[in-house]
């Protein structure tokens, strides 16, 4: 499956790579190790997590092969050039940034890549902690990954703030129902909901949802009425500008 790949490790982190990506593999090892330790502390994980393995795919064809054959995740071939990472359980496949120019929609920016590694680590730890990860709604899981990785603070190419800022300025903030059911809005606004929960209710509320939610109903896990929760979230975004608009004016 990984013939021709070299490997390096750091504790319970293992990174597989082809030789031209040795320096990038060192960066992934360091970033992933820090992310997993930090997230394990955030989610109050007792004991050790299983070994987390990342593979740096040198091109688009190899990325697609690994997603299908290693992760057993269905993927179109060739996959969308915006797709540069995929996680399943404790395995992460990353398109190497050395291939971005030819095989992706992005340019390589080290900070963006580091945040993306953290994003995938969030998925790994969330699945380990969750009693039923399959039930977790898209807006919650992706929002959690964007929020805890710091990607919401990024500029290009991961512009997670921009659609939120545009919607707030144009008074077109979607409803909670729209965010929960629309794929694009789940990615664009899910992180604002997670961040709102953390700001209003504290880290413990976020951890409780991940640890206790079995049926995918985040608001029930929080003991929230949807209408009242939505009103407070929309006010946080539109009246006070959340806590991110001042950094992006």
Protein backbone atom coordinates (compact mmCIF):
# COMPACT_ATOMS: atom_id res chain seq x y z
CA UNK A 1 0.00 0.00 0.00
CA UNK A 2 2.84 2.40 0.86
CA UNK A 3 5.69 0.80 -1.09
CA UNK A 4 8.39 3.37 -1.86
CA UNK A 5 7.47 5.61 1.06
CA UNK A 6 9.86 6.55 3.82
CA UNK A 7 8.60 6.94 7.37
CA UNK A 8 9.36 9.10 10.34
CA UNK A 9 7.74 9.23 13.74
CA UNK A 10 7.45 11.12 16.97
CA UNK A 11 5.76 9.24 19.79
CA UNK A 12 2.34 8.17 18.54
CA UNK A 13 2.68 10.13 15.29
CA UNK A 14 3.82 8.46 12.07
CA UNK A 15 4.30 10.26 8.75
CA UNK A 16 4.91 8.51 5.44
CA UNK A 17 6.41 10.43 2.55
CA UNK A 18 8.43 10.14 -0.63
CA UNK A 19 12.00 11.34 -0.38
CA UNK A 20 11.66 14.82 -1.96
CA UNK A 21 9.18 15.65 0.83
CA UNK A 22 11.51 14.90 3.75
CA UNK A 23 11.45 18.50 5.06
CA UNK A 24 7.66 18.72 4.71
CA UNK A 25 7.31 15.41 6.54
CA UNK A 26 9.26 16.87 9.46
CA UNK A 27 6.86 19.82 9.53
CA UNK A 28 3.82 17.53 9.48
CA UNK A 29 5.29 15.39 12.26
CA UNK A 30 5.81 18.42 14.49
CA UNK A 31 2.46 20.07 13.71
CA UNK A 32 0.47 16.86 14.07
CA UNK A 33 2.19 15.93 17.32
CA UNK A 34 1.45 19.33 18.85
CA UNK A 35 -2.12 19.31 17.54
CA UNK A 36 -2.94 15.87 18.91
CA UNK A 37 -1.48 16.67 22.33
CA UNK A 38 -3.30 19.99 22.53
CA UNK A 39 -6.61 18.56 21.36
CA UNK A 40 -6.36 15.60 23.71
CA UNK A 41 -6.00 18.11 26.55
CA UNK A 42 -8.89 20.22 25.23
CA UNK A 43 -11.21 17.20 25.08
CA UNK A 44 -9.89 15.83 28.39
CA UNK A 45 -8.78 12.52 26.90
CA UNK A 46 -7.47 10.15 29.53
CA UNK A 47 -4.61 7.88 28.51
CA UNK A 48 -3.00 7.72 25.10
CA UNK A 49 -4.66 8.15 21.76
CA UNK A 50 -3.95 5.47 19.15
CA UNK A 51 -1.09 6.10 16.74
CA UNK A 52 -2.07 8.75 14.19
CA UNK A 53 -0.67 8.20 10.70
CA UNK A 54 -0.39 10.84 7.98
CA UNK A 55 0.67 10.19 4.39
CA UNK A 56 2.01 12.92 2.11
CA UNK A 57 0.85 12.03 -1.40
CA UNK A 58 3.22 13.41 -4.05
CA UNK A 59 0.55 14.06 -6.72
CA UNK A 60 -3.19 14.06 -7.39
CA UNK A 61 -3.35 10.49 -8.74
CA UNK A 62 -1.60 9.11 -5.66
CA UNK A 63 -3.78 11.20 -3.36
CA UNK A 64 -6.91 9.75 -4.96
CA UNK A 65 -5.51 6.21 -4.81
CA UNK A 66 -4.70 6.50 -1.11
CA UNK A 67 -8.08 7.99 -0.23
CA UNK A 68 -9.79 5.09 -1.98
CA UNK A 69 -7.47 2.21 -1.10
CA UNK A 70 -6.04 3.21 2.29
CA UNK A 71 -8.95 5.12 3.78
CA UNK A 72 -11.69 3.26 1.88
CA UNK A 73 -13.45 6.53 1.18
CA UNK A 74 -15.26 6.95 -2.13
CA UNK A 75 -13.65 9.63 -4.26
CA UNK A 76 -14.06 10.89 -7.81
CA UNK A 77 -11.03 10.55 -10.07
CA UNK A 78 -9.48 12.94 -10.61
CA UNK A 79 -10.74 14.60 -7.47
CA UNK A 80 -11.58 18.27 -7.13
CA UNK A 81 -8.40 20.41 -7.05
CA UNK A 82 -9.71 22.03 -3.88
CA UNK A 83 -9.58 18.68 -2.13
CA UNK A 84 -6.17 18.36 -0.49
CA UNK A 85 -6.83 16.36 2.69
CA UNK A 86 -8.95 13.45 3.84
CA UNK A 87 -9.19 11.71 7.20
CA UNK A 88 -10.67 8.38 8.24
CA UNK A 89 -10.36 7.22 11.85
CA UNK A 90 -6.64 7.74 12.69
CA UNK A 91 -5.33 7.90 9.10
CA UNK A 92 -4.84 11.19 7.26
CA UNK A 93 -3.99 11.58 3.57
CA UNK A 94 -2.56 14.95 2.58
CA UNK A 95 -1.68 16.16 -0.87
CA UNK A 96 1.89 17.32 -0.46
CA UNK A 97 2.25 21.09 -0.74
CA UNK A 98 5.08 20.39 -3.17
CA UNK A 99 2.33 19.30 -5.59
CA UNK A 100 0.00 22.25 -5.01
CA UNK A 101 1.13 24.28 -8.02
CA UNK A 102 0.40 21.47 -10.47
CA UNK A 103 -2.32 19.50 -8.69
CA UNK A 104 -4.44 21.82 -6.55
CA UNK A 105 -6.32 25.09 -6.51
CA UNK A 106 -3.96 26.52 -3.86
CA UNK A 107 -0.49 27.88 -3.45
CA UNK A 108 1.66 26.63 -0.59
CA UNK A 109 1.55 28.90 2.44
CA UNK A 110 3.17 27.25 5.48
CA UNK A 111 0.75 28.71 8.03
CA UNK A 112 -2.26 27.59 6.00
CA UNK A 113 -0.81 24.10 5.67
CA UNK A 114 -0.09 23.87 9.39
CA UNK A 115 -3.67 24.90 10.20
CA UNK A 116 -4.96 22.29 7.76
CA UNK A 117 -2.96 19.59 9.58
CA UNK A 118 -4.60 20.78 12.82
CA UNK A 119 -8.01 20.67 11.08
CA UNK A 120 -7.52 17.00 10.23
CA UNK A 121 -6.25 16.29 13.75
CA UNK A 122 -9.51 17.71 15.13
CA UNK A 123 -11.43 15.14 13.07
CA UNK A 124 -9.22 12.35 14.43
CA UNK A 125 -9.67 13.35 18.07
CA UNK A 126 -13.38 14.12 17.69
CA UNK A 127 -13.98 10.63 16.28
CA UNK A 128 -11.96 9.04 19.09
CA UNK A 129 -13.95 10.90 21.77
CA UNK A 130 -17.41 10.76 20.18
CA UNK A 131 -19.82 7.95 21.11
CA UNK A 132 -21.31 8.06 17.59
CA UNK A 133 -19.30 10.08 15.10
CA UNK A 134 -21.52 9.01 12.20
CA UNK A 135 -24.40 10.97 13.72
CA UNK A 136 -22.44 14.21 14.12
CA UNK A 137 -23.84 16.78 11.67
CA UNK A 138 -21.56 18.25 9.02
CA UNK A 139 -21.90 21.80 10.29
CA UNK A 140 -20.76 20.73 13.77
CA UNK A 141 -17.79 18.56 12.77
CA UNK A 142 -16.47 20.92 10.12
CA UNK A 143 -17.22 23.93 12.28
CA UNK A 144 -15.33 22.33 15.14
CA UNK A 145 -12.32 21.62 12.91
CA UNK A 146 -12.26 25.13 11.45
CA UNK A 147 -12.75 26.74 14.86
CA UNK A 148 -10.17 24.73 16.82
CA UNK A 149 -7.55 24.75 14.06
CA UNK A 150 -7.65 28.54 13.82
CA UNK A 151 -8.54 28.40 10.14
CA UNK A 152 -11.29 30.94 10.72
CA UNK A 153 -8.51 33.50 11.22
CA UNK A 154 -6.83 32.75 7.90
CA UNK A 155 -6.69 34.81 4.80
CA UNK A 156 -6.25 33.26 1.33
CA UNK A 157 -6.48 30.47 0.30
CA UNK A 158 -8.76 29.21 3.10
CA UNK A 159 -11.20 32.13 3.26
CA UNK A 160 -13.54 30.94 5.98
CA UNK A 161 -14.15 34.45 7.29
CA UNK A 162 -15.08 36.03 3.98
CA UNK A 163 -18.57 34.61 3.38
CA UNK A 164 -19.49 35.39 6.99
CA UNK A 165 -18.24 38.95 6.75
CA UNK A 166 -20.04 39.48 3.45
CA UNK A 167 -23.29 38.09 4.82
CA UNK A 168 -23.12 40.25 7.96
CA UNK A 169 -22.37 43.40 5.99
CA UNK A 170 -25.20 42.69 3.53
CA UNK A 171 -27.66 41.64 6.31
CA UNK A 172 -27.98 38.19 4.74
CA UNK A 173 -27.04 35.90 7.63
CA UNK A 174 -28.66 32.51 6.97
CA UNK A 175 -31.08 30.85 9.34
CA UNK A 176 -29.96 28.07 11.63
CA UNK A 177 -32.09 25.65 9.61
CA UNK A 178 -30.26 26.65 6.44
CA UNK A 179 -26.85 26.11 8.02
CA UNK A 180 -27.96 22.69 9.28
CA UNK A 181 -29.22 21.52 5.88
CA UNK A 182 -27.14 23.30 3.22
CA UNK A 183 -23.69 21.79 2.53
CA UNK A 184 -22.01 25.07 1.54
CA UNK A 185 -23.51 27.01 4.45
CA UNK A 186 -22.48 24.26 6.88
CA UNK A 187 -18.84 24.87 5.92
CA UNK A 188 -19.21 28.65 5.73
CA UNK A 189 -21.10 29.23 9.01
CA UNK A 190 -20.68 26.08 11.11
CA UNK A 191 -17.54 27.41 12.75
CA UNK A 192 -19.38 30.57 13.87
CA UNK A 193 -21.89 28.40 15.72
CA UNK A 194 -19.18 26.36 17.43
CA UNK A 195 -17.31 29.53 18.33
CA UNK A 196 -20.51 31.08 19.65
CA UNK A 197 -21.14 28.05 21.90
CA UNK A 198 -17.59 28.24 23.22
CA UNK A 199 -17.78 32.00 23.82
CA UNK A 200 -21.22 31.97 25.46
CA UNK A 201 -21.20 28.64 27.29
CA UNK A 202 -17.49 27.87 27.61
CA UNK A 203 -15.18 25.11 26.45
CA UNK A 204 -16.97 22.59 28.65
CA UNK A 205 -20.14 22.89 26.57
CA UNK A 206 -18.25 22.07 23.36
CA UNK A 207 -16.55 19.11 25.01
CA UNK A 208 -19.87 17.86 26.38
CA UNK A 209 -21.47 17.87 22.94
CA UNK A 210 -18.63 15.83 21.45
CA UNK A 211 -18.50 13.40 24.38
CA UNK A 212 -22.23 12.88 24.88
CA UNK A 213 -24.09 13.47 21.60
CA UNK A 214 -25.30 10.17 20.16
CA UNK A 215 -28.18 11.24 17.93
CA UNK A 216 -26.70 14.24 16.09
CA UNK A 217 -28.88 16.79 17.89
CA UNK A 218 -26.37 19.39 19.06
CA UNK A 219 -28.94 21.74 20.53
CA UNK A 220 -30.55 18.97 22.57
CA UNK A 221 -27.11 18.05 23.92
CA UNK A 222 -26.75 21.69 24.96
CA UNK A 223 -30.26 21.86 26.43
CA UNK A 224 -31.07 24.68 24.02
CA UNK A 225 -34.29 25.80 22.37
CA UNK A 226 -33.52 26.25 18.66
CA UNK A 227 -35.41 29.52 18.28
CA UNK A 228 -33.81 31.21 21.28
CA UNK A 229 -30.37 29.85 20.41
CA UNK A 230 -30.65 31.14 16.85
CA UNK A 231 -31.71 34.59 18.02
CA UNK A 232 -28.67 34.89 20.31
CA UNK A 233 -26.28 33.57 17.64
CA UNK A 234 -27.60 35.99 15.01
CA UNK A 235 -27.33 38.89 17.45
CA UNK A 236 -23.75 37.91 18.23
CA UNK A 237 -22.93 37.97 14.54
CA UNK A 238 -24.90 40.99 13.40
CA UNK A 239 -25.02 43.32 16.40
CA UNK A 240 -21.59 42.81 17.92
CA UNK A 241 -19.85 41.42 14.87
CA UNK A 242 -18.83 38.28 16.72
CA UNK A 243 -15.24 38.65 17.84
CA UNK A 244 -13.56 38.35 14.48
CA UNK A 245 -14.76 41.25 12.32
CA UNK A 246 -12.39 43.83 13.91
CA UNK A 247 -9.45 41.75 12.64
CA UNK A 248 -10.72 41.73 9.08
CA UNK A 249 -11.90 45.27 8.34
